[in-house]
C-alpha atoms as a PDB file:
ATOM      1  CA  MET A   1      -0.082  -0.038   0.006  1.00  0.00           C
ATOM      2  CA  PRO A   2       1.529   3.517  -0.898  1.00  0.00           C
ATOM      3  CA  ILE A   3       2.220   5.870   1.677  1.00  0.00           C
ATOM      4  CA  SER A   4      -0.589   8.414   1.912  1.00  0.00           C
ATOM      5  CA  ARG A   5      -0.109  12.079  -0.038  1.00  0.00           C
ATOM      6  CA  SER A   6      -0.514  13.886   3.317  1.00  0.00           C
ATOM      7  CA  THR A   7       2.204  11.864   4.934  1.00  0.00           C
ATOM      8  CA  ILE A   8       4.666  12.338   1.920  1.00  0.00           C
ATOM      9  CA  GLY A   9       4.163  15.969   2.222  1.00  0.00           C
ATOM     10  CA  THR A  10       5.285  16.267   5.942  1.00  0.00           C
ATOM     11  CA  VAL A  11       7.488  13.407   6.594  1.00  0.00           C
ATOM     12  CA  PHE A  12       9.676  12.439   4.044  1.00  0.00           C
ATOM     13  CA  VAL A  13      10.999  16.066   3.882  1.00  0.00           C
ATOM     14  CA  GLY A  14      12.427  14.513   6.821  1.00  0.00           C
ATOM     15  CA  GLY A  15      14.911  11.931   5.373  1.00  0.00           C
ATOM     16  CA  ALA A  16      17.024  14.869   6.667  1.00  0.00           C
ATOM     17  CA  LEU A  17      17.625  12.533   9.602  1.00  0.00           C
ATOM     18  CA  SER A  18      20.699  11.667   7.926  1.00  0.00           C
ATOM     19  CA  VAL A  19      22.014  15.130   8.267  1.00  0.00           C
ATOM     20  CA  THR A  20      20.416  16.078  11.430  1.00  0.00           C
ATOM     21  CA  LEU A  21      23.431  15.832  13.584  1.00  0.00           C
ATOM     22  CA  ALA A  22      25.271  18.502  11.074  1.00  0.00           C
ATOM     23  CA  ALA A  23      22.121  20.922  11.653  1.00  0.00           C
ATOM     24  CA  LEU A  24      21.447  20.166  15.238  1.00  0.00           C
ATOM     25  CA  ALA A  25      22.274  23.083  17.608  1.00  0.00           C
ATOM     26  CA  TYR A  26      21.270  21.934  21.022  1.00  0.00           C
ATOM     27  CA  PRO A  27      22.736  23.792  24.502  1.00  0.00           C
ATOM     28  CA  SER A  28      24.419  21.721  27.052  1.00  0.00           C
ATOM     29  CA  MET A  29      24.294  22.393  30.659  1.00  0.00           C
ATOM     30  CA  LEU A  30      27.733  23.764  30.305  1.00  0.00           C
ATOM     31  CA  GLY A  31      26.517  26.838  28.774  1.00  0.00           C
ATOM     32  CA  ILE A  32      27.734  25.966  25.177  1.00  0.00           C
ATOM     33  CA  GLN A  33      25.132  27.882  22.952  1.00  0.00           C
ATOM     34  CA  THR A  34      26.696  27.393  19.457  1.00  0.00           C
ATOM     35  CA  VAL A  35      27.604  24.908  16.918  1.00  0.00           C
ATOM     36  CA  SER A  36      30.542  24.982  14.668  1.00  0.00           C
ATOM     37  CA  SER A  37      30.622  23.261  11.451  1.00  0.00           C
ATOM     38  CA  ASP A  38      33.180  20.786  12.644  1.00  0.00           C
ATOM     39  CA  GLN A  39      31.226  18.027  14.605  1.00  0.00           C
ATOM     40  CA  SER A  40      34.505  16.693  15.974  1.00  0.00           C
ATOM     41  CA  ARG A  41      35.162  19.810  17.880  1.00  0.00           C
ATOM     42  CA  VAL A  42      35.544  18.598  21.393  1.00  0.00           C
ATOM     43  CA  ILE A  43      33.268  20.845  23.701  1.00  0.00           C
ATOM     44  CA  ALA A  44      33.990  19.157  27.045  1.00  0.00           C
ATOM     45  CA  SER A  45      36.601  16.805  28.744  1.00  0.00           C
ATOM     46  CA  THR A  46      35.007  14.435  30.836  1.00  0.00           C
ATOM     47  CA  ARG A  47      35.889  11.488  33.034  1.00  0.00           C
ATOM     48  CA  TRP A  48      34.628   9.273  30.286  1.00  0.00           C
ATOM     49  CA  GLY A  49      36.629  10.904  27.468  1.00  0.00           C
ATOM     50  CA  PRO A  50      36.133  13.993  25.321  1.00  0.00           C
ATOM     51  CA  LEU A  51      32.878  14.716  24.360  1.00  0.00           C
ATOM     52  CA  THR A  52      32.391  16.412  20.558  1.00  0.00           C
ATOM     53  CA  GLU A  53      29.616  18.068  19.142  1.00  0.00           C
ATOM     54  CA  ALA A  54      28.659  15.049  17.347  1.00  0.00           C
ATOM     55  CA  ASP A  55      28.487  13.151  20.508  1.00  0.00           C
ATOM     56  CA  ARG A  56      26.338  15.500  22.440  1.00  0.00           C
ATOM     57  CA  ASN A  57      24.029  15.706  19.536  1.00  0.00           C
ATOM     58  CA  PHE A  58      23.589  11.958  19.321  1.00  0.00           C
ATOM     59  CA  VAL A  59      22.612  11.583  22.852  1.00  0.00           C
ATOM     60  CA  VAL A  60      20.016  14.351  22.136  1.00  0.00           C
ATOM     61  CA  PHE A  61      18.705  12.990  19.323  1.00  0.00           C
ATOM     62  CA  VAL A  62      18.408   9.460  20.618  1.00  0.00           C
ATOM     63  CA  ARG A  63      16.379  10.890  23.491  1.00  0.00           C
ATOM     64  CA  SER A  64      14.204  12.790  21.045  1.00  0.00           C
ATOM     65  CA  ALA A  65      13.496   9.881  18.853  1.00  0.00           C
ATOM     66  CA  GLY A  66      11.991   7.935  21.729  1.00  0.00           C
ATOM     67  CA  LEU A  67       9.828  10.926  22.600  1.00  0.00           C
ATOM     68  CA  TRP A  68       7.725  10.138  19.371  1.00  0.00           C
ATOM     69  CA  GLU A  69       8.536   6.599  18.497  1.00  0.00           C
ATOM     70  CA  GLY A  70       7.601   5.269  22.039  1.00  0.00           C
ATOM     71  CA  PRO A  71       4.069   6.786  21.687  1.00  0.00           C
ATOM     72  CA  SER A  72       3.900   5.638  18.189  1.00  0.00           C
ATOM     73  CA  GLY A  73       4.541   2.095  19.397  1.00  0.00           C
ATOM     74  CA  ASP A  74       1.677   2.475  21.889  1.00  0.00           C
ATOM     75  CA  LEU A  75      -0.649   3.703  19.021  1.00  0.00           C
ATOM     76  CA  ALA A  76       0.184   0.437  16.975  1.00  0.00           C
ATOM     77  CA  MET A  77      -0.403  -1.632  19.993  1.00  0.00           C
ATOM     78  CA  LYS A  78      -3.997  -0.245  20.018  1.00  0.00           C
ATOM     79  CA  LYS A  79      -4.640   0.572  16.351  1.00  0.00           C
ATOM     80  CA  GLY A  80      -2.482  -2.058  14.252  1.00  0.00           C
ATOM     81  CA  THR A  81      -5.028  -4.166  12.200  1.00  0.00           C
ATOM     82  CA  THR A  82      -2.454  -6.909  12.071  1.00  0.00           C
ATOM     83  CA  ALA A  83      -0.638  -8.845  14.772  1.00  0.00           C
ATOM     84  CA  ALA A  84       2.482  -7.940  12.983  1.00  0.00           C
ATOM     85  CA  VAL A  85       2.042  -4.208  13.226  1.00  0.00           C
ATOM     86  CA  ARG A  86       0.930  -4.678  16.833  1.00  0.00           C
ATOM     87  CA  GLU A  87       4.186  -6.612  17.587  1.00  0.00           C
ATOM     88  CA  ALA A  88       6.183  -3.980  16.020  1.00  0.00           C
ATOM     89  CA  GLY A  89       4.574  -1.505  18.202  1.00  0.00           C
ATOM     90  CA  ARG A  90       5.487  -3.437  21.210  1.00  0.00           C
ATOM     91  CA  HIS A  91       9.202  -3.579  20.349  1.00  0.00           C
ATOM     92  CA  LEU A  92       8.933   0.206  19.743  1.00  0.00           C
ATOM     93  CA  VAL A  93       7.774   0.683  23.199  1.00  0.00           C
ATOM     94  CA  ILE A  94      10.134  -1.505  24.991  1.00  0.00           C
ATOM     95  CA  GLY A  95      13.136  -0.729  23.173  1.00  0.00           C
ATOM     96  CA  HIS A  96      12.797   3.259  23.376  1.00  0.00           C
ATOM     97  CA  ALA A  97      11.825   3.056  27.179  1.00  0.00           C
ATOM     98  CA  ALA A  98      15.450   1.274  27.473  1.00  0.00           C
ATOM     99  CA  LEU A  99      17.366   3.793  25.328  1.00  0.00           C
ATOM    100  CA  ASP A 100      15.417   6.488  27.200  1.00  0.00           C
ATOM    101  CA  ALA A 101      16.641   5.186  30.718  1.00  0.00           C
ATOM    102  CA  SER A 102      20.210   5.180  29.196  1.00  0.00           C
ATOM    103  CA  CYS A 103      20.042   8.812  28.062  1.00  0.00           C
ATOM    104  CA  ARG A 104      18.467   9.984  31.395  1.00  0.00           C
ATOM    105  CA  LYS A 105      21.263   8.181  33.306  1.00  0.00           C
ATOM    106  CA  ILE A 106      24.225   9.543  31.128  1.00  0.00           C
ATOM    107  CA  ALA A 107      22.998  13.131  30.329  1.00  0.00           C
ATOM    108  CA  PRO A 108      23.861  14.482  33.719  1.00  0.00           C
ATOM    109  CA  GLU A 109      27.094  12.960  33.817  1.00  0.00           C
ATOM    110  CA  LEU A 110      27.849  14.559  30.558  1.00  0.00           C
ATOM    111  CA  ASN A 111      26.295  17.867  31.391  1.00  0.00           C
ATOM    112  CA  ILE A 112      23.907  17.476  28.468  1.00  0.00           C
ATOM    113  CA  THR A 113      20.525  19.131  28.369  1.00  0.00           C
ATOM    114  CA  ILE A 114      17.889  16.390  27.011  1.00  0.00           C
ATOM    115  CA  PRO A 115      14.573  17.432  25.511  1.00  0.00           C
ATOM    116  CA  ASN A 116      11.294  16.760  26.857  1.00  0.00           C
ATOM    117  CA  GLN A 117       9.489  16.997  23.590  1.00  0.00           C
ATOM    118  CA  PRO A 118      10.332  15.567  20.092  1.00  0.00           C
ATOM    119  CA  THR A 119      11.064  17.746  17.194  1.00  0.00           C
ATOM    120  CA  PRO A 120       8.387  19.640  15.326  1.00  0.00           C
ATOM    121  CA  GLN A 121       8.745  17.142  12.263  1.00  0.00           C
ATOM    122  CA  GLN A 122       8.666  14.011  14.610  1.00  0.00           C
ATOM    123  CA  GLN A 123       5.577  15.592  16.257  1.00  0.00           C
ATOM    124  CA  GLY A 124       4.151  15.755  12.800  1.00  0.00           C
ATOM    125  CA  PHE A 125       4.684  12.029  12.163  1.00  0.00           C
ATOM    126  CA  LEU A 126       2.841  11.255  15.483  1.00  0.00           C
ATOM    127  CA  ASP A 127      -0.014  13.360  14.463  1.00  0.00           C
ATOM    128  CA  THR A 128      -0.504  11.435  11.284  1.00  0.00           C
ATOM    129  CA  PHE A 129      -0.538   8.041  13.147  1.00  0.00           C
ATOM    130  CA  LYS A 130      -3.043   9.552  15.354  1.00  0.00           C
ATOM    131  CA  SER A 131      -5.337  10.682  12.685  1.00  0.00           C
ATOM    132  CA  ASP A 132      -4.912   7.323  10.555  1.00  0.00           C
ATOM    133  CA  THR A 133      -7.184   4.430  11.086  1.00  0.00           C
ATOM    134  CA  GLY A 134      -7.445   0.843   9.436  1.00  0.00           C
ATOM    135  CA  LYS A 135      -4.948  -0.143   6.813  1.00  0.00           C
ATOM    136  CA  GLN A 136      -3.466   3.489   6.469  1.00  0.00           C
ATOM    137  CA  PHE A 137      -2.424   3.347   9.676  1.00  0.00           C
ATOM    138  CA  ASP A 138      -0.497   0.065   9.139  1.00  0.00           C
ATOM    139  CA  SER A 139       1.013   1.552   6.066  1.00  0.00           C
ATOM    140  CA  ASP A 140       2.115   4.985   7.410  1.00  0.00           C
ATOM    141  CA  PHE A 141       3.411   3.417  10.684  1.00  0.00           C
ATOM    142  CA  ALA A 142       5.558   0.660   8.875  1.00  0.00           C
ATOM    143  CA  ASN A 143       6.948   3.067   6.238  1.00  0.00           C
ATOM    144  CA  ILE A 144       7.614   6.197   8.246  1.00  0.00           C
ATOM    145  CA  LEU A 145       9.523   3.999  10.902  1.00  0.00           C
ATOM    146  CA  ARG A 146      11.263   2.220   8.323  1.00  0.00           C
ATOM    147  CA  VAL A 147      12.333   5.384   6.701  1.00  0.00           C
ATOM    148  CA  THR A 148      13.412   7.027  10.008  1.00  0.00           C
ATOM    149  CA  HIS A 149      15.249   4.007  11.480  1.00  0.00           C
ATOM    150  CA  GLY A 150      16.996   3.333   8.086  1.00  0.00           C
ATOM    151  CA  SER A 151      18.150   6.970   8.148  1.00  0.00           C
ATOM    152  CA  ILE A 152      19.724   7.018  11.423  1.00  0.00           C
ATOM    153  CA  PHE A 153      21.556   3.450  11.211  1.00  0.00           C
ATOM    154  CA  SER A 154      24.246   5.106   9.496  1.00  0.00           C
ATOM    155  CA  THR A 155      24.673   7.715  11.845  1.00  0.00           C
ATOM    156  CA  ILE A 156      24.941   5.488  14.781  1.00  0.00           C
ATOM    157  CA  ALA A 157      27.659   3.440  12.840  1.00  0.00           C
ATOM    158  CA  LYS A 158      29.852   6.610  12.328  1.00  0.00           C
ATOM    159  CA  ILE A 159      29.310   7.639  16.138  1.00  0.00           C
ATOM    160  CA  ARG A 160      30.214   4.174  17.431  1.00  0.00           C
ATOM    161  CA  ALA A 161      33.212   4.211  15.133  1.00  0.00           C
ATOM    162  CA  THR A 162      34.611   7.680  16.067  1.00  0.00           C
ATOM    163  CA  THR A 163      33.657   8.535  19.486  1.00  0.00           C
ATOM    164  CA  GLN A 164      36.301   8.429  22.370  1.00  0.00           C
ATOM    165  CA  ASN A 165      33.786   8.953  24.987  1.00  0.00           C
ATOM    166  CA  THR A 166      32.794   5.581  26.852  1.00  0.00           C
ATOM    167  CA  LEU A 167      29.217   6.483  27.628  1.00  0.00           C
ATOM    168  CA  VAL A 168      28.497   7.610  24.231  1.00  0.00           C
ATOM    169  CA  ARG A 169      30.095   4.431  22.754  1.00  0.00           C
ATOM    170  CA  GLN A 170      27.691   2.415  25.206  1.00  0.00           C
ATOM    171  CA  LEU A 171      24.866   4.284  24.045  1.00  0.00           C
ATOM    172  CA  ALA A 172      25.719   3.579  20.300  1.00  0.00           C
ATOM    173  CA  ASP A 173      26.264   0.165  20.835  1.00  0.00           C
ATOM    174  CA  GLN A 174      22.623  -0.193  22.306  1.00  0.00           C
ATOM    175  CA  ALA A 175      21.102   1.942  19.938  1.00  0.00           C
ATOM    176  CA  ASN A 176      22.610  -0.229  17.230  1.00  0.00           C
ATOM    177  CA  ASP A 177      20.895  -3.340  18.694  1.00  0.00           C
ATOM    178  CA  VAL A 178      17.567  -1.781  19.274  1.00  0.00           C
ATOM    179  CA  VAL A 179      17.076   0.170  15.783  1.00  0.00           C
ATOM    180  CA  LEU A 180      18.312  -2.767  13.836  1.00  0.00           C
ATOM    181  CA  ASP A 181      15.537  -4.703  15.768  1.00  0.00           C
ATOM    182  CA  HIS A 182      12.992  -1.898  14.948  1.00  0.00           C
ATOM    183  CA  ILE A 183      14.084  -2.057  11.137  1.00  0.00           C
ATOM    184  CA  THR A 184      13.456  -5.746  11.196  1.00  0.00           C
ATOM    185  CA  GLN A 185      10.059  -5.229  12.807  1.00  0.00           C
ATOM    186  CA  MET A 186       8.846  -2.965  10.182  1.00  0.00           C
ATOM    187  CA  GLU A 187       9.836  -5.195   7.425  1.00  0.00           C
ATOM    188  CA  ASN A 188       8.121  -8.114   9.168  1.00  0.00           C
ATOM    189  CA  THR A 189       4.788  -6.063   8.815  1.00  0.00           C
ATOM    190  CA  GLY A 190       4.718  -6.883   5.077  1.00  0.00           C
ATOM    191  CA  VAL A 191       3.613  -3.392   4.138  1.00  0.00           C
ATOM    192  CA  VAL A 192       6.920  -1.747   3.532  1.00  0.00           C
ATOM    193  CA  ASN A 193       7.418  -0.284   0.084  1.00  0.00           C
ATOM    194  CA  PHE A 194      10.952  -0.687  -0.251  1.00  0.00           C
ATOM    195  CA  ASN A 195      11.515   1.199  -3.470  1.00  0.00           C
ATOM    196  CA  GLN A 196       9.783   4.176  -1.814  1.00  0.00           C
ATOM    197  CA  VAL A 197      11.659   3.861   1.056  1.00  0.00           C
ATOM    198  CA  ASN A 198      15.056   3.515  -0.517  1.00  0.00           C
ATOM    199  CA  ASN A 199      14.247   6.484  -2.573  1.00  0.00           C
ATOM    200  CA  MET A 200      13.379   8.643   0.398  1.00  0.00           C
ATOM    201  CA  GLU A 201      16.682   7.570   2.351  1.00  0.00           C
ATOM    202  CA  THR A 202      18.988   8.293  -0.437  1.00  0.00           C
ATOM    203  CA  ASN A 203      17.580  11.559  -1.806  1.00  0.00           C
ATOM    204  CA  PRO A 204      16.372  13.423   1.372  1.00  0.00           C
ATOM    205  CA  PRO A 205      14.819  16.913   0.940  1.00  0.00           C
ATOM    206  CA  LYS A 206      16.289  19.488   3.388  1.00  0.00           C
ATOM    207  CA  LEU A 207      14.360  20.979   6.277  1.00  0.00           C
ATOM    208  CA  PRO A 208      15.130  24.061   8.051  1.00  0.00           C
ATOM    209  CA  SER A 209      17.071  23.303  11.496  1.00  0.00           C
ATOM    210  CA  SER A 210      13.805  24.333  13.450  1.00  0.00           C
ATOM    211  CA  GLN A 211      11.834  21.680  12.196  1.00  0.00           C
ATOM    212  CA  VAL A 212      14.409  18.974  13.157  1.00  0.00           C
ATOM    213  CA  THR A 213      15.595  20.507  16.366  1.00  0.00           C
ATOM    214  CA  PRO A 214      13.666  19.558  19.714  1.00  0.00           C
ATOM    215  CA  PRO A 215      12.566  22.346  21.781  1.00  0.00           C
ATOM    216  CA  VAL A 216      14.680  23.285  24.688  1.00  0.00           C
ATOM    217  CA  PRO A 217      13.094  22.285  28.126  1.00  0.00           C
ATOM    218  CA  GLN A 218      12.044  24.986  30.517  1.00  0.00           C
ATOM    219  CA  PRO A 219      14.313  25.435  33.409  1.00  0.00           C
ATOM    220  CA  GLY A 220      13.361  23.327  36.310  1.00  0.00           C
ATOM    221  CA  ALA A 221      11.141  21.175  34.422  1.00  0.00           C
ATOM    222  CA  PRO A 222      10.731  17.612  35.308  1.00  0.00           C
ATOM    223  CA  VAL A 223      12.411  15.151  32.905  1.00  0.00           C
ATOM    224  CA  VAL A 224       9.635  13.227  30.758  1.00  0.00           C
ATOM    225  CA  ALA A 225      10.511   9.445  31.262  1.00  0.00           C
ATOM    226  CA  LEU A 226       9.431   6.693  28.913  1.00  0.00           C
ATOM    227  CA  THR A 227       8.260   3.630  30.679  1.00  0.00           C
ATOM    228  CA  VAL A 228       7.110   0.352  29.840  1.00  0.00           C
ATOM    229  CA  PRO A 229       3.344  -0.122  30.492  1.00  0.00           C
ATOM    230  CA  SER A 230       2.581  -2.421  33.748  1.00  0.00           C
ATOM    231  CA  GLY A 231       1.934  -6.186  32.485  1.00  0.00           C
ATOM    232  CA  LEU A 232       3.383  -5.569  28.992  1.00  0.00           C
ATOM    233  CA  ALA A 233       5.472  -8.649  28.020  1.00  0.00           C
ATOM    234  CA  THR A 234       9.187  -7.810  27.285  1.00  0.00           C
ATOM    235  CA  ASP A 235      10.129 -11.171  26.242  1.00  0.00           C
ATOM    236  CA  GLY A 236      11.946 -11.623  22.986  1.00  0.00           C
ATOM    237  CA  VAL A 237      12.531  -7.939  22.635  1.00  0.00           C
ATOM    238  CA  PRO A 238      16.272  -6.828  22.197  1.00  0.00           C
ATOM    239  CA  THR A 239      17.085  -3.491  24.172  1.00  0.00           C
ATOM    240  CA  GLY A 240      20.713  -3.715  23.768  1.00  0.00           C
ATOM    241  CA  PRO A 241      23.647  -3.064  26.452  1.00  0.00           C
ATOM    242  CA  THR A 242      22.503  -0.219  28.959  1.00  0.00           C
ATOM    243  CA  ALA A 243      24.802   3.027  28.933  1.00  0.00           C
ATOM    244  CA  THR A 244      25.770   3.305  32.417  1.00  0.00           C
ATOM    245  CA  PRO A 245      28.435   5.446  33.950  1.00  0.00           C
ATOM    246  CA  SER A 246      31.511   2.774  34.294  1.00  0.00           C
ATOM    247  CA  PRO A 247      33.731   2.716  37.417  1.00  0.00           C
ATOM    248  CA  SER A 248      36.570   2.372  35.032  1.00  0.00           C
ATOM    249  CA  PRO A 249      36.215   5.399  32.596  1.00  0.00           C
ATOM    250  CA  THR A 250      38.344   6.050  29.311  1.00  0.00           C
ATOM    251  CA  PRO A 251      40.976   8.502  30.339  1.00  0.00           C
ATOM    252  CA  THR A 252      40.225  11.925  29.126  1.00  0.00           C
ATOM    253  CA  VAL A 253      42.086  12.902  26.165  1.00  0.00           C
ATOM    254  CA  GLY A 254      43.419  16.229  25.344  1.00  0.00           C
END
């Protein structure tokens, strides 16, 4: 089933996920308000190794992704018309709750401010799912999430290959496991339009940074936490190794 026309207009302007890290400007608790064009620039020295702009933005982006993909999974469990769509939703809820827990653990250690709301673009995806019904929901859910997960997959690999920060490296390990699982779950629905998805991943239109940057939380606002609903079975869902401050951190470089 093709992706709906309304969805294409909002969403797949967003194949911008693959370039989001280059555009994302997000303040840290250290008071850093600007981002250079060099994502490898070290913005802080920490017990767990140097923290670069790309590292910081990755933590912010993983957190932001969960803020819309977790609720999307909940919608899929309620609205999906097939067992495969509902199962994909279960994997999203559990996987992103685990990633969210890691982000909330390591962000204070690295002095990173994390968002409480998704980006405007991501909120648009979620609004599409809320308004969809029946088979249209199944199609939009599987295809949008296959594009977004596919787009970020290469970014995870780059962060994992280049970061010198132990905590960011652990988060990338975990995100790799979870995102690969979610890609597989979307494909298992049987409704992914691979030609369309591949085109949207390889030819992403550009969006202004305001559309792909999550709002900065209000000072003193409580941190929103994604959790697994009571009674939801978690068996068979990969969540990856939890990113946790280590007693033996990588020595600070530089």
